[in-house]
PDB file of N, CA and C in Angstrom:
ATOM      1  N   MET A   1       9.310  25.836 -56.460  1.00  0.00           N
ATOM      2  CA  MET A   1       9.071  24.458 -56.859  1.00  0.00           C
ATOM      3  C   MET A   1       9.130  23.517 -55.661  1.00  0.00           C
ATOM      4  N   ASN A   2      10.122  23.724 -54.814  1.00  0.00           N
ATOM      5  CA  ASN A   2      10.285  22.855 -53.660  1.00  0.00           C
ATOM      6  C   ASN A   2       9.097  22.952 -52.711  1.00  0.00           C
ATOM      7  N   ASN A   3       8.517  24.148 -52.568  1.00  0.00           N
ATOM      8  CA  ASN A   3       7.357  24.293 -51.688  1.00  0.00           C
ATOM      9  C   ASN A   3       6.172  23.492 -52.202  1.00  0.00           C
ATOM     10  N   ILE A   4       6.006  23.404 -53.520  1.00  0.00           N
ATOM     11  CA  ILE A   4       4.909  22.638 -54.103  1.00  0.00           C
ATOM     12  C   ILE A   4       5.114  21.150 -53.818  1.00  0.00           C
ATOM     13  N   VAL A   5       6.332  20.670 -53.987  1.00  0.00           N
ATOM     14  CA  VAL A   5       6.630  19.264 -53.712  1.00  0.00           C
ATOM     15  C   VAL A   5       6.389  18.961 -52.235  1.00  0.00           C
ATOM     16  N   ASP A   6       6.824  19.861 -51.361  1.00  0.00           N
ATOM     17  CA  ASP A   6       6.602  19.678 -49.928  1.00  0.00           C
ATOM     18  C   ASP A   6       5.107  19.611 -49.615  1.00  0.00           C
ATOM     19  N   LEU A   7       4.330  20.489 -50.212  1.00  0.00           N
ATOM     20  CA  LEU A   7       2.889  20.511 -49.974  1.00  0.00           C
ATOM     21  C   LEU A   7       2.231  19.225 -50.465  1.00  0.00           C
ATOM     22  N   ILE A   8       2.602  18.784 -51.648  1.00  0.00           N
ATOM     23  CA  ILE A   8       2.032  17.542 -52.186  1.00  0.00           C
ATOM     24  C   ILE A   8       2.389  16.362 -51.292  1.00  0.00           C
ATOM     25  N   ALA A   9       3.643  16.280 -50.872  1.00  0.00           N
ATOM     26  CA  ALA A   9       4.069  15.194 -49.984  1.00  0.00           C
ATOM     27  C   ALA A   9       3.296  15.237 -48.672  1.00  0.00           C
ATOM     28  N   PHE A  10       3.104  16.425 -48.127  1.00  0.00           N
ATOM     29  CA  PHE A  10       2.377  16.575 -46.873  1.00  0.00           C
ATOM     30  C   PHE A  10       0.925  16.121 -47.030  1.00  0.00           C
ATOM     31  N   ILE A  11       0.283  16.485 -48.123  1.00  0.00           N
ATOM     32  CA  ILE A  11      -1.098  16.078 -48.372  1.00  0.00           C
ATOM     33  C   ILE A  11      -1.198  14.558 -48.530  1.00  0.00           C
ATOM     34  N   ILE A  12      -0.248  13.976 -49.252  1.00  0.00           N
ATOM     35  CA  ILE A  12      -0.248  12.519 -49.430  1.00  0.00           C
ATOM     36  C   ILE A  12      -0.082  11.820 -48.084  1.00  0.00           C
ATOM     37  N   ILE A  13       0.770  12.354 -47.231  1.00  0.00           N
ATOM     38  CA  ILE A  13       0.973  11.763 -45.908  1.00  0.00           C
ATOM     39  C   ILE A  13      -0.296  11.874 -45.060  1.00  0.00           C
ATOM     40  N   ILE A  14      -0.993  12.989 -45.152  1.00  0.00           N
ATOM     41  CA  ILE A  14      -2.252  13.142 -44.414  1.00  0.00           C
ATOM     42  C   ILE A  14      -3.265  12.102 -44.889  1.00  0.00           C
ATOM     43  N   ILE A  15      -3.363  11.925 -46.205  1.00  0.00           N
ATOM     44  CA  ILE A  15      -4.276  10.913 -46.747  1.00  0.00           C
ATOM     45  C   ILE A  15      -3.895   9.529 -46.221  1.00  0.00           C
ATOM     46  N   GLY A  16      -2.610   9.221 -46.233  1.00  0.00           N
ATOM     47  CA  GLY A  16      -2.148   7.930 -45.717  1.00  0.00           C
ATOM     48  C   GLY A  16      -2.433   7.760 -44.235  1.00  0.00           C
ATOM     49  N   ALA A  17      -2.250   8.824 -43.471  1.00  0.00           N
ATOM     50  CA  ALA A  17      -2.512   8.752 -42.028  1.00  0.00           C
ATOM     51  C   ALA A  17      -3.997   8.517 -41.755  1.00  0.00           C
ATOM     52  N   ILE A  18      -4.842   9.200 -42.496  1.00  0.00           N
ATOM     53  CA  ILE A  18      -6.285   8.991 -42.331  1.00  0.00           C
ATOM     54  C   ILE A  18      -6.643   7.553 -42.702  1.00  0.00           C
ATOM     55  N   ASN A  19      -6.067   7.058 -43.782  1.00  0.00           N
ATOM     56  CA  ASN A  19      -6.341   5.681 -44.192  1.00  0.00           C
ATOM     57  C   ASN A  19      -5.908   4.696 -43.112  1.00  0.00           C
ATOM     58  N   TRP A  20      -4.686   4.861 -42.590  1.00  0.00           N
ATOM     59  CA  TRP A  20      -4.218   3.946 -41.542  1.00  0.00           C
ATOM     60  C   TRP A  20      -5.046   4.076 -40.274  1.00  0.00           C
ATOM     61  N   GLY A  21      -5.520   5.281 -39.990  1.00  0.00           N
ATOM     62  CA  GLY A  21      -6.401   5.465 -38.829  1.00  0.00           C
ATOM     63  C   GLY A  21      -7.698   4.686 -38.978  1.00  0.00           C
ATOM     64  N   THR A  22      -8.286   4.727 -40.176  1.00  0.00           N
ATOM     65  CA  THR A  22      -9.524   3.975 -40.386  1.00  0.00           C
ATOM     66  C   THR A  22      -9.279   2.468 -40.406  1.00  0.00           C
ATOM     67  N   VAL A  23      -8.110   2.054 -40.901  1.00  0.00           N
ATOM     68  CA  VAL A  23      -7.775   0.628 -40.862  1.00  0.00           C
ATOM     69  C   VAL A  23      -7.648   0.167 -39.414  1.00  0.00           C
ATOM     70  N   GLY A  24      -6.943   0.945 -38.605  1.00  0.00           N
ATOM     71  CA  GLY A  24      -6.750   0.561 -37.209  1.00  0.00           C
ATOM     72  C   GLY A  24      -8.015   0.629 -36.376  1.00  0.00           C
ATOM     73  N   ALA A  25      -8.807   1.663 -36.592  1.00  0.00           N
ATOM     74  CA  ALA A  25      -9.996   1.857 -35.753  1.00  0.00           C
ATOM     75  C   ALA A  25     -11.185   1.016 -36.204  1.00  0.00           C
ATOM     76  N   PHE A  26     -11.359   0.884 -37.510  1.00  0.00           N
ATOM     77  CA  PHE A  26     -12.583   0.255 -38.014  1.00  0.00           C
ATOM     78  C   PHE A  26     -12.334  -0.941 -38.926  1.00  0.00           C
ATOM     79  N   GLY A  27     -11.071  -1.199 -39.267  1.00  0.00           N
ATOM     80  CA  GLY A  27     -10.768  -2.287 -40.185  1.00  0.00           C
ATOM     81  C   GLY A  27     -11.178  -1.983 -41.615  1.00  0.00           C
ATOM     82  N   VAL A  28     -11.272  -0.689 -41.958  1.00  0.00           N
ATOM     83  CA  VAL A  28     -11.703  -0.273 -43.288  1.00  0.00           C
ATOM     84  C   VAL A  28     -10.540   0.411 -44.000  1.00  0.00           C
ATOM     85  N   ASP A  29     -10.155  -0.133 -45.151  1.00  0.00           N
ATOM     86  CA  ASP A  29      -9.089   0.459 -45.954  1.00  0.00           C
ATOM     87  C   ASP A  29      -9.738   1.355 -47.008  1.00  0.00           C
ATOM     88  N   LEU A  30      -9.646   2.659 -46.808  1.00  0.00           N
ATOM     89  CA  LEU A  30     -10.296   3.612 -47.716  1.00  0.00           C
ATOM     90  C   LEU A  30      -9.706   3.575 -49.124  1.00  0.00           C
ATOM     91  N   VAL A  31      -8.417   3.310 -49.225  1.00  0.00           N
ATOM     92  CA  VAL A  31      -7.790   3.247 -50.545  1.00  0.00           C
ATOM     93  C   VAL A  31      -8.350   2.062 -51.329  1.00  0.00           C
ATOM     94  N   THR A  32      -8.507   0.929 -50.677  1.00  0.00           N
ATOM     95  CA  THR A  32      -9.089  -0.243 -51.332  1.00  0.00           C
ATOM     96  C   THR A  32     -10.533   0.037 -51.733  1.00  0.00           C
ATOM     97  N   MET A  33     -11.262   0.731 -50.865  1.00  0.00           N
ATOM     98  CA  MET A  33     -12.657   1.064 -51.183  1.00  0.00           C
ATOM     99  C   MET A  33     -12.751   2.043 -52.354  1.00  0.00           C
ATOM    100  N   ALA A  34     -11.794   2.980 -52.435  1.00  0.00           N
ATOM    101  CA  ALA A  34     -11.819   3.998 -53.488  1.00  0.00           C
ATOM    102  C   ALA A  34     -11.368   3.440 -54.838  1.00  0.00           C
ATOM    103  N   THR A  35     -10.646   2.322 -54.818  1.00  0.00           N
ATOM    104  CA  THR A  35     -10.126   1.748 -56.066  1.00  0.00           C
ATOM    105  C   THR A  35     -10.532   0.276 -56.186  1.00  0.00           C
ATOM    106  N   PRO A  36     -11.823  -0.015 -56.210  1.00  0.00           N
ATOM    107  CA  PRO A  36     -12.246  -1.426 -56.238  1.00  0.00           C
ATOM    108  C   PRO A  36     -11.820  -2.105 -57.550  1.00  0.00           C
ATOM    109  N   GLY A  37     -11.084  -3.192 -57.403  1.00  0.00           N
ATOM    110  CA  GLY A  37     -10.675  -3.947 -58.580  1.00  0.00           C
ATOM    111  C   GLY A  37      -9.461  -3.393 -59.311  1.00  0.00           C
ATOM    112  N   TYR A  38      -8.936  -2.265 -58.880  1.00  0.00           N
ATOM    113  CA  TYR A  38      -7.766  -1.659 -59.528  1.00  0.00           C
ATOM    114  C   TYR A  38      -6.548  -1.807 -58.618  1.00  0.00           C
ATOM    115  N   LYS A  39      -6.036  -3.019 -58.538  1.00  0.00           N
ATOM    116  CA  LYS A  39      -4.912  -3.297 -57.631  1.00  0.00           C
ATOM    117  C   LYS A  39      -3.681  -2.467 -57.971  1.00  0.00           C
ATOM    118  N   THR A  40      -3.454  -2.193 -59.252  1.00  0.00           N
ATOM    119  CA  THR A  40      -2.291  -1.400 -59.654  1.00  0.00           C
ATOM    120  C   THR A  40      -2.416   0.030 -59.139  1.00  0.00           C
ATOM    121  N   VAL A  41      -3.604   0.603 -59.244  1.00  0.00           N
ATOM    122  CA  VAL A  41      -3.835   1.963 -58.753  1.00  0.00           C
ATOM    123  C   VAL A  41      -3.705   1.990 -57.230  1.00  0.00           C
ATOM    124  N   GLU A  42      -4.287   0.985 -56.574  1.00  0.00           N
ATOM    125  CA  GLU A  42      -4.190   0.886 -55.116  1.00  0.00           C
ATOM    126  C   GLU A  42      -2.730   0.805 -54.675  1.00  0.00           C
ATOM    127  N   SER A  43      -1.962  -0.042 -55.337  1.00  0.00           N
ATOM    128  CA  SER A  43      -0.531  -0.168 -55.014  1.00  0.00           C
ATOM    129  C   SER A  43       0.196   1.143 -55.271  1.00  0.00           C
ATOM    130  N   GLY A  44      -0.132   1.815 -56.363  1.00  0.00           N
ATOM    131  CA  GLY A  44       0.503   3.095 -56.680  1.00  0.00           C
ATOM    132  C   GLY A  44       0.251   4.145 -55.609  1.00  0.00           C
ATOM    133  N   ILE A  45      -0.981   4.199 -55.115  1.00  0.00           N
ATOM    134  CA  ILE A  45      -1.313   5.157 -54.055  1.00  0.00           C
ATOM    135  C   ILE A  45      -0.530   4.834 -52.789  1.00  0.00           C
ATOM    136  N   LYS A  46      -0.485   3.569 -52.441  1.00  0.00           N
ATOM    137  CA  LYS A  46       0.223   3.173 -51.218  1.00  0.00           C
ATOM    138  C   LYS A  46       1.731   3.385 -51.350  1.00  0.00           C
ATOM    139  N   ILE A  47       2.272   3.172 -52.531  1.00  0.00           N
ATOM    140  CA  ILE A  47       3.692   3.458 -52.773  1.00  0.00           C
ATOM    141  C   ILE A  47       3.946   4.958 -52.672  1.00  0.00           C
ATOM    142  N   ALA A  48       3.023   5.771 -53.209  1.00  0.00           N
ATOM    143  CA  ALA A  48       3.168   7.231 -53.129  1.00  0.00           C
ATOM    144  C   ALA A  48       3.180   7.697 -51.678  1.00  0.00           C
ATOM    145  N   VAL A  49       2.342   7.090 -50.844  1.00  0.00           N
ATOM    146  CA  VAL A  49       2.327   7.443 -49.418  1.00  0.00           C
ATOM    147  C   VAL A  49       3.668   7.094 -48.776  1.00  0.00           C
ATOM    148  N   GLY A  50       4.189   5.929 -49.099  1.00  0.00           N
ATOM    149  CA  GLY A  50       5.487   5.530 -48.555  1.00  0.00           C
ATOM    150  C   GLY A  50       6.618   6.437 -49.005  1.00  0.00           C
ATOM    151  N   LEU A  51       6.633   6.777 -50.287  1.00  0.00           N
ATOM    152  CA  LEU A  51       7.673   7.673 -50.804  1.00  0.00           C
ATOM    153  C   LEU A  51       7.544   9.074 -50.207  1.00  0.00           C
ATOM    154  N   ALA A  52       6.320   9.541 -50.022  1.00  0.00           N
ATOM    155  CA  ALA A  52       6.114  10.848 -49.399  1.00  0.00           C
ATOM    156  C   ALA A  52       6.627  10.839 -47.969  1.00  0.00           C
ATOM    157  N   GLY A  53       6.424   9.741 -47.267  1.00  0.00           N
ATOM    158  CA  GLY A  53       6.946   9.621 -45.900  1.00  0.00           C
ATOM    159  C   GLY A  53       8.465   9.657 -45.866  1.00  0.00           C
ATOM    160  N   ILE A  54       9.085   8.951 -46.789  1.00  0.00           N
ATOM    161  CA  ILE A  54      10.550   8.957 -46.872  1.00  0.00           C
ATOM    162  C   ILE A  54      11.057  10.354 -47.213  1.00  0.00           C
ATOM    163  N   TYR A  55      10.391  11.015 -48.157  1.00  0.00           N
ATOM    164  CA  TYR A  55      10.778  12.378 -48.546  1.00  0.00           C
ATOM    165  C   TYR A  55      10.681  13.323 -47.352  1.00  0.00           C
ATOM    166  N   CYS A  56       9.583  13.252 -46.616  1.00  0.00           N
ATOM    167  CA  CYS A  56       9.414  14.154 -45.462  1.00  0.00           C
ATOM    168  C   CYS A  56      10.414  13.828 -44.348  1.00  0.00           C
ATOM    169  N   ALA A  57      10.712  12.554 -44.155  1.00  0.00           N
ATOM    170  CA  ALA A  57      11.731  12.188 -43.164  1.00  0.00           C
ATOM    171  C   ALA A  57      13.082  12.781 -43.556  1.00  0.00           C
ATOM    172  N   TYR A  58      13.409  12.721 -44.851  1.00  0.00           N
ATOM    173  CA  TYR A  58      14.644  13.323 -45.345  1.00  0.00           C
ATOM    174  C   TYR A  58      14.645  14.834 -45.123  1.00  0.00           C
ATOM    175  N   LYS A  59      13.514  15.497 -45.422  1.00  0.00           N
ATOM    176  CA  LYS A  59      13.416  16.946 -45.233  1.00  0.00           C
ATOM    177  C   LYS A  59      13.598  17.317 -43.760  1.00  0.00           C
ATOM    178  N   ILE A  60      13.001  16.555 -42.867  1.00  0.00           N
ATOM    179  CA  ILE A  60      13.151  16.819 -41.434  1.00  0.00           C
ATOM    180  C   ILE A  60      14.599  16.621 -41.021  1.00  0.00           C
ATOM    181  N   TYR A  61      15.232  15.553 -41.524  1.00  0.00           N
ATOM    182  CA  TYR A  61      16.634  15.304 -41.200  1.00  0.00           C
ATOM    183  C   TYR A  61      17.524  16.455 -41.653  1.00  0.00           C
ATOM    184  N   THR A  62      17.345  16.911 -42.895  1.00  0.00           N
ATOM    185  CA  THR A  62      18.187  17.998 -43.392  1.00  0.00           C
ATOM    186  C   THR A  62      17.875  19.301 -42.663  1.00  0.00           C
ATOM    187  N   TRP A  63      16.632  19.520 -42.312  1.00  0.00           N
ATOM    188  CA  TRP A  63      16.260  20.726 -41.564  1.00  0.00           C
ATOM    189  C   TRP A  63      16.909  20.705 -40.181  1.00  0.00           C
ATOM    190  N   LYS A  64      16.843  19.562 -39.505  1.00  0.00           N
ATOM    191  CA  LYS A  64      17.451  19.454 -38.173  1.00  0.00           C
ATOM    192  C   LYS A  64      18.972  19.573 -38.271  1.00  0.00           C
ATOM    193  N   THR A  65      19.562  19.004 -39.304  1.00  0.00           N
ATOM    194  CA  THR A  65      21.009  19.071 -39.477  1.00  0.00           C
ATOM    195  C   THR A  65      21.444  20.517 -39.713  1.00  0.00           C
ATOM    196  N   LYS A  66      20.724  21.240 -40.577  1.00  0.00           N
ATOM    197  CA  LYS A  66      21.048  22.646 -40.829  1.00  0.00           C
ATOM    198  C   LYS A  66      20.838  23.475 -39.584  1.00  0.00           C
ATOM    199  N   SER A  67      19.769  23.205 -38.853  1.00  0.00           N
ATOM    200  CA  SER A  67      19.473  23.946 -37.632  1.00  0.00           C
ATOM    201  C   SER A  67      20.576  23.714 -36.598  1.00  0.00           C
ATOM    202  N   HIS A  68      21.017  22.480 -36.457  1.00  0.00           N
ATOM    203  CA  HIS A  68      22.066  22.154 -35.500  1.00  0.00           C
ATOM    204  C   HIS A  68      23.389  22.791 -35.908  1.00  0.00           C
ATOM    205  N   ALA A  69      23.701  22.785 -37.194  1.00  0.00           N
ATOM    206  CA  ALA A  69      24.944  23.380 -37.682  1.00  0.00           C
ATOM    207  C   ALA A  69      24.922  24.891 -37.457  1.00  0.00           C
ATOM    208  N   THR A  70      23.785  25.528 -37.663  1.00  0.00           N
ATOM    209  CA  THR A  70      23.667  26.974 -37.438  1.00  0.00           C
ATOM    210  C   THR A  70      23.870  27.308 -35.968  1.00  0.00           C
ATOM    211  N   GLN A  71      23.313  26.485 -35.093  1.00  0.00           N
ATOM    212  CA  GLN A  71      23.457  26.736 -33.653  1.00  0.00           C
ATOM    213  C   GLN A  71      24.923  26.598 -33.216  1.00  0.00           C
ATOM    214  N   MET A  72      25.639  25.694 -33.847  1.00  0.00           N
ATOM    215  CA  MET A  72      27.029  25.467 -33.456  1.00  0.00           C
ATOM    216  C   MET A  72      27.945  26.560 -33.977  1.00  0.00           C
ATOM    217  N   THR A  73      27.596  27.193 -35.104  1.00  0.00           N
ATOM    218  CA  THR A  73      28.479  28.196 -35.679  1.00  0.00           C
ATOM    219  C   THR A  73      28.083  29.635 -35.294  1.00  0.00           C
ATOM    220  N   THR A  74      26.900  29.790 -34.724  1.00  0.00           N
ATOM    221  CA  THR A  74      26.456  31.115 -34.315  1.00  0.00           C
ATOM    222  C   THR A  74      27.105  31.455 -32.973  1.00  0.00           C
ATOM    223  N   PRO A  75      27.791  32.609 -32.897  1.00  0.00           N
ATOM    224  CA  PRO A  75      28.426  32.975 -31.621  1.00  0.00           C
ATOM    225  C   PRO A  75      27.360  33.278 -30.574  1.00  0.00           C
ATOM    226  N   ALA A  76      27.680  32.902 -29.359  1.00  0.00           N
ATOM    227  CA  ALA A  76      26.750  33.159 -28.249  1.00  0.00           C
ATOM    228  C   ALA A  76      26.752  34.646 -27.923  1.00  0.00           C
ATOM    229  N   SER A  77      25.570  35.161 -27.621  1.00  0.00           N
ATOM    230  CA  SER A  77      25.471  36.583 -27.263  1.00  0.00           C
ATOM    231  C   SER A  77      25.862  36.756 -25.798  1.00  0.00           C
ATOM    232  N   SER A  78      26.485  37.892 -25.486  1.00  0.00           N
ATOM    233  CA  SER A  78      26.948  38.121 -24.119  1.00  0.00           C
ATOM    234  C   SER A  78      25.920  38.830 -23.294  1.00  0.00           C
TER     235      SER A  78
END
């Protein structure tokens, strides 16, 4: 289950990154273009991108924390 959530979050972040890239490079917001007149849907997509970013930041933090804890408790080889 967790792998599916991770994959969905990763895909949402990629979509958000592509959107921000087009906004920065060309001044074109793809989400606004894809949802003309549906401000609620547009806001929902942008909120999903933000939440996916927070989720992935949390996953990276916990991964780094576990990795660091493992390195500290693993005895050094001689």
